[in-house]
Amino acid sequence: MESKNITLRVNSELYNKYRQLCKKKGLLVSRQVEIMMEEQLKKEEDQV
């Protein structure tokens, strides 16, 4: 699958806390955002 770079504007305190959480769990922030996007799309498809 092709990747796309994006720019997001988020609260810096929220981002820093989330980044630390991901670091502790050995996760990538970008992959977690991608998973959230996939889950939201699936919810929308299920409602149709």
PDB file of N, CA and C in Angstrom:
ATOM      1  N   MET A   1       0.838  -1.170   0.000  1.00  0.00           N
ATOM      2  CA  MET A   1       0.000   0.000   0.000  1.00  0.00           C
ATOM      3  C   MET A   1       0.891   1.244   0.000  1.00  0.00           C
ATOM      4  N   GLU A   2       0.500   2.217  -0.766  1.00  0.00           N
ATOM      5  CA  GLU A   2       1.257   3.461  -0.864  1.00  0.00           C
ATOM      6  C   GLU A   2       1.053   4.301   0.398  1.00  0.00           C
ATOM      7  N   SER A   3       2.083   5.003   0.816  1.00  0.00           N
ATOM      8  CA  SER A   3       2.012   5.881   1.990  1.00  0.00           C
ATOM      9  C   SER A   3       1.873   7.325   1.550  1.00  0.00           C
ATOM     10  N   LYS A   4       1.310   8.128   2.440  1.00  0.00           N
ATOM     11  CA  LYS A   4       1.164   9.555   2.187  1.00  0.00           C
ATOM     12  C   LYS A   4       1.562  10.310   3.444  1.00  0.00           C
ATOM     13  N   ASN A   5       2.434  11.290   3.290  1.00  0.00           N
ATOM     14  CA  ASN A   5       2.802  12.153   4.407  1.00  0.00           C
ATOM     15  C   ASN A   5       1.720  13.206   4.581  1.00  0.00           C
ATOM     16  N   ILE A   6       1.341  13.453   5.848  1.00  0.00           N
ATOM     17  CA  ILE A   6       0.335  14.469   6.143  1.00  0.00           C
ATOM     18  C   ILE A   6       0.849  15.359   7.270  1.00  0.00           C
ATOM     19  N   THR A   7       0.258  16.526   7.383  1.00  0.00           N
ATOM     20  CA  THR A   7       0.576  17.440   8.471  1.00  0.00           C
ATOM     21  C   THR A   7      -0.676  17.596   9.313  1.00  0.00           C
ATOM     22  N   LEU A   8      -0.534  17.423  10.622  1.00  0.00           N
ATOM     23  CA  LEU A   8      -1.656  17.564  11.540  1.00  0.00           C
ATOM     24  C   LEU A   8      -1.336  18.644  12.559  1.00  0.00           C
ATOM     25  N   ARG A   9      -2.358  19.362  12.967  1.00  0.00           N
ATOM     26  CA  ARG A   9      -2.193  20.346  14.030  1.00  0.00           C
ATOM     27  C   ARG A   9      -2.974  19.831  15.234  1.00  0.00           C
ATOM     28  N   VAL A  10      -2.249  19.502  16.289  1.00  0.00           N
ATOM     29  CA  VAL A  10      -2.866  18.974  17.503  1.00  0.00           C
ATOM     30  C   VAL A  10      -2.292  19.704  18.718  1.00  0.00           C
ATOM     31  N   ASN A  11      -3.017  19.635  19.806  1.00  0.00           N
ATOM     32  CA  ASN A  11      -2.577  20.219  21.058  1.00  0.00           C
ATOM     33  C   ASN A  11      -1.234  19.600  21.432  1.00  0.00           C
ATOM     34  N   SER A  12      -0.233  20.427  21.699  1.00  0.00           N
ATOM     35  CA  SER A  12       1.120  19.912  21.939  1.00  0.00           C
ATOM     36  C   SER A  12       1.201  19.061  23.203  1.00  0.00           C
ATOM     37  N   GLU A  13       0.482  19.435  24.256  1.00  0.00           N
ATOM     38  CA  GLU A  13       0.503  18.642  25.476  1.00  0.00           C
ATOM     39  C   GLU A  13      -0.120  17.266  25.235  1.00  0.00           C
ATOM     40  N   LEU A  14      -1.230  17.246  24.533  1.00  0.00           N
ATOM     41  CA  LEU A  14      -1.894  15.984  24.198  1.00  0.00           C
ATOM     42  C   LEU A  14      -0.972  15.107  23.356  1.00  0.00           C
ATOM     43  N   TYR A  15      -0.340  15.701  22.350  1.00  0.00           N
ATOM     44  CA  TYR A  15       0.563  14.948  21.483  1.00  0.00           C
ATOM     45  C   TYR A  15       1.735  14.373  22.269  1.00  0.00           C
ATOM     46  N   ASN A  16       2.332  15.187  23.122  1.00  0.00           N
ATOM     47  CA  ASN A  16       3.488  14.718  23.895  1.00  0.00           C
ATOM     48  C   ASN A  16       3.117  13.565  24.817  1.00  0.00           C
ATOM     49  N   LYS A  17       1.960  13.648  25.457  1.00  0.00           N
ATOM     50  CA  LYS A  17       1.505  12.553  26.323  1.00  0.00           C
ATOM     51  C   LYS A  17       1.248  11.291  25.503  1.00  0.00           C
ATOM     52  N   TYR A  18       0.608  11.455  24.356  1.00  0.00           N
ATOM     53  CA  TYR A  18       0.309  10.295  23.511  1.00  0.00           C
ATOM     54  C   TYR A  18       1.584   9.683  22.946  1.00  0.00           C
ATOM     55  N   ARG A  19       2.517  10.533  22.573  1.00  0.00           N
ATOM     56  CA  ARG A  19       3.809  10.056  22.051  1.00  0.00           C
ATOM     57  C   ARG A  19       4.537   9.228  23.102  1.00  0.00           C
ATOM     58  N   GLN A  20       4.519   9.688  24.359  1.00  0.00           N
ATOM     59  CA  GLN A  20       5.153   8.945  25.441  1.00  0.00           C
ATOM     60  C   GLN A  20       4.466   7.597  25.666  1.00  0.00           C
ATOM     61  N   LEU A  21       3.133   7.592  25.604  1.00  0.00           N
ATOM     62  CA  LEU A  21       2.387   6.339  25.737  1.00  0.00           C
ATOM     63  C   LEU A  21       2.791   5.357  24.644  1.00  0.00           C
ATOM     64  N   CYS A  22       2.844   5.844  23.420  1.00  0.00           N
ATOM     65  CA  CYS A  22       3.235   4.979  22.303  1.00  0.00           C
ATOM     66  C   CYS A  22       4.668   4.475  22.487  1.00  0.00           C
ATOM     67  N   LYS A  23       5.546   5.335  22.950  1.00  0.00           N
ATOM     68  CA  LYS A  23       6.939   4.945  23.158  1.00  0.00           C
ATOM     69  C   LYS A  23       7.034   3.821  24.187  1.00  0.00           C
ATOM     70  N   LYS A  24       6.289   3.937  25.292  1.00  0.00           N
ATOM     71  CA  LYS A  24       6.290   2.904  26.328  1.00  0.00           C
ATOM     72  C   LYS A  24       5.811   1.570  25.794  1.00  0.00           C
ATOM     73  N   LYS A  25       4.841   1.618  24.869  1.00  0.00           N
ATOM     74  CA  LYS A  25       4.260   0.393  24.329  1.00  0.00           C
ATOM     75  C   LYS A  25       4.958  -0.082  23.053  1.00  0.00           C
ATOM     76  N   GLY A  26       5.959   0.672  22.604  1.00  0.00           N
ATOM     77  CA  GLY A  26       6.678   0.292  21.386  1.00  0.00           C
ATOM     78  C   GLY A  26       5.853   0.484  20.130  1.00  0.00           C
ATOM     79  N   LEU A  27       5.004   1.506  20.128  1.00  0.00           N
ATOM     80  CA  LEU A  27       4.116   1.768  18.993  1.00  0.00           C
ATOM     81  C   LEU A  27       4.551   3.024  18.250  1.00  0.00           C
ATOM     82  N   LEU A  28       4.113   3.136  17.007  1.00  0.00           N
ATOM     83  CA  LEU A  28       4.351   4.336  16.215  1.00  0.00           C
ATOM     84  C   LEU A  28       3.099   5.208  16.257  1.00  0.00           C
ATOM     85  N   VAL A  29       3.277   6.489  16.555  1.00  0.00           N
ATOM     86  CA  VAL A  29       2.137   7.410  16.601  1.00  0.00           C
ATOM     87  C   VAL A  29       1.411   7.397  15.260  1.00  0.00           C
ATOM     88  N   SER A  30       2.153   7.427  14.169  1.00  0.00           N
ATOM     89  CA  SER A  30       1.536   7.476  12.846  1.00  0.00           C
ATOM     90  C   SER A  30       0.667   6.246  12.580  1.00  0.00           C
ATOM     91  N   ARG A  31       1.123   5.091  13.009  1.00  0.00           N
ATOM     92  CA  ARG A  31       0.336   3.866  12.800  1.00  0.00           C
ATOM     93  C   ARG A  31      -0.919   3.891  13.666  1.00  0.00           C
ATOM     94  N   GLN A  32      -0.824   4.447  14.863  1.00  0.00           N
ATOM     95  CA  GLN A  32      -1.988   4.539  15.737  1.00  0.00           C
ATOM     96  C   GLN A  32      -3.045   5.470  15.143  1.00  0.00           C
ATOM     97  N   VAL A  33      -2.608   6.577  14.528  1.00  0.00           N
ATOM     98  CA  VAL A  33      -3.537   7.485  13.858  1.00  0.00           C
ATOM     99  C   VAL A  33      -4.198   6.763  12.688  1.00  0.00           C
ATOM    100  N   GLU A  34      -3.411   6.004  11.953  1.00  0.00           N
ATOM    101  CA  GLU A  34      -3.938   5.246  10.817  1.00  0.00           C
ATOM    102  C   GLU A  34      -4.997   4.242  11.284  1.00  0.00           C
ATOM    103  N   ILE A  35      -4.738   3.562  12.393  1.00  0.00           N
ATOM    104  CA  ILE A  35      -5.704   2.603  12.940  1.00  0.00           C
ATOM    105  C   ILE A  35      -6.991   3.319  13.351  1.00  0.00           C
ATOM    106  N   MET A  36      -6.865   4.488  13.986  1.00  0.00           N
ATOM    107  CA  MET A  36      -8.047   5.258  14.372  1.00  0.00           C
ATOM    108  C   MET A  36      -8.880   5.644  13.146  1.00  0.00           C
ATOM    109  N   MET A  37      -8.202   6.017  12.067  1.00  0.00           N
ATOM    110  CA  MET A  37      -8.891   6.375  10.830  1.00  0.00           C
ATOM    111  C   MET A  37      -9.639   5.164  10.254  1.00  0.00           C
ATOM    112  N   GLU A  38      -8.967   4.008  10.256  1.00  0.00           N
ATOM    113  CA  GLU A  38      -9.592   2.786   9.755  1.00  0.00           C
ATOM    114  C   GLU A  38     -10.826   2.422  10.574  1.00  0.00           C
ATOM    115  N   GLU A  39     -10.722   2.547  11.900  1.00  0.00           N
ATOM    116  CA  GLU A  39     -11.843   2.222  12.774  1.00  0.00           C
ATOM    117  C   GLU A  39     -13.023   3.159  12.541  1.00  0.00           C
ATOM    118  N   GLN A  40     -12.744   4.441  12.359  1.00  0.00           N
ATOM    119  CA  GLN A  40     -13.811   5.411  12.101  1.00  0.00           C
ATOM    120  C   GLN A  40     -14.511   5.108  10.783  1.00  0.00           C
ATOM    121  N   LEU A  41     -13.738   4.789   9.766  1.00  0.00           N
ATOM    122  CA  LEU A  41     -14.328   4.445   8.469  1.00  0.00           C
ATOM    123  C   LEU A  41     -15.184   3.189   8.572  1.00  0.00           C
ATOM    124  N   LYS A  42     -14.720   2.207   9.327  1.00  0.00           N
ATOM    125  CA  LYS A  42     -15.486   0.976   9.497  1.00  0.00           C
ATOM    126  C   LYS A  42     -16.813   1.262  10.209  1.00  0.00           C
ATOM    127  N   LYS A  43     -16.780   2.112  11.239  1.00  0.00           N
ATOM    128  CA  LYS A  43     -18.011   2.493  11.945  1.00  0.00           C
ATOM    129  C   LYS A  43     -19.006   3.140  10.986  1.00  0.00           C
ATOM    130  N   GLU A  44     -18.499   4.037  10.152  1.00  0.00           N
ATOM    131  CA  GLU A  44     -19.356   4.712   9.181  1.00  0.00           C
ATOM    132  C   GLU A  44     -19.967   3.731   8.188  1.00  0.00           C
ATOM    133  N   GLU A  45     -19.157   2.780   7.717  1.00  0.00           N
ATOM    134  CA  GLU A  45     -19.650   1.785   6.770  1.00  0.00           C
ATOM    135  C   GLU A  45     -20.707   0.885   7.412  1.00  0.00           C
ATOM    136  N   ASP A  46     -20.520   0.564   8.686  1.00  0.00           N
ATOM    137  CA  ASP A  46     -21.466  -0.291   9.404  1.00  0.00           C
ATOM    138  C   ASP A  46     -22.805   0.399   9.619  1.00  0.00           C
ATOM    139  N   GLN A  47     -22.801   1.728   9.652  1.00  0.00           N
ATOM    140  CA  GLN A  47     -24.043   2.483   9.874  1.00  0.00           C
ATOM    141  C   GLN A  47     -24.859   2.642   8.617  1.00  0.00           C
ATOM    142  N   VAL A  48     -24.266   2.370   7.476  1.00  0.00           N
ATOM    143  CA  VAL A  48     -24.977   2.536   6.194  1.00  0.00           C
ATOM    144  C   VAL A  48     -25.850   1.364   5.882  1.00  0.00           C
TER     145      VAL A  48
END
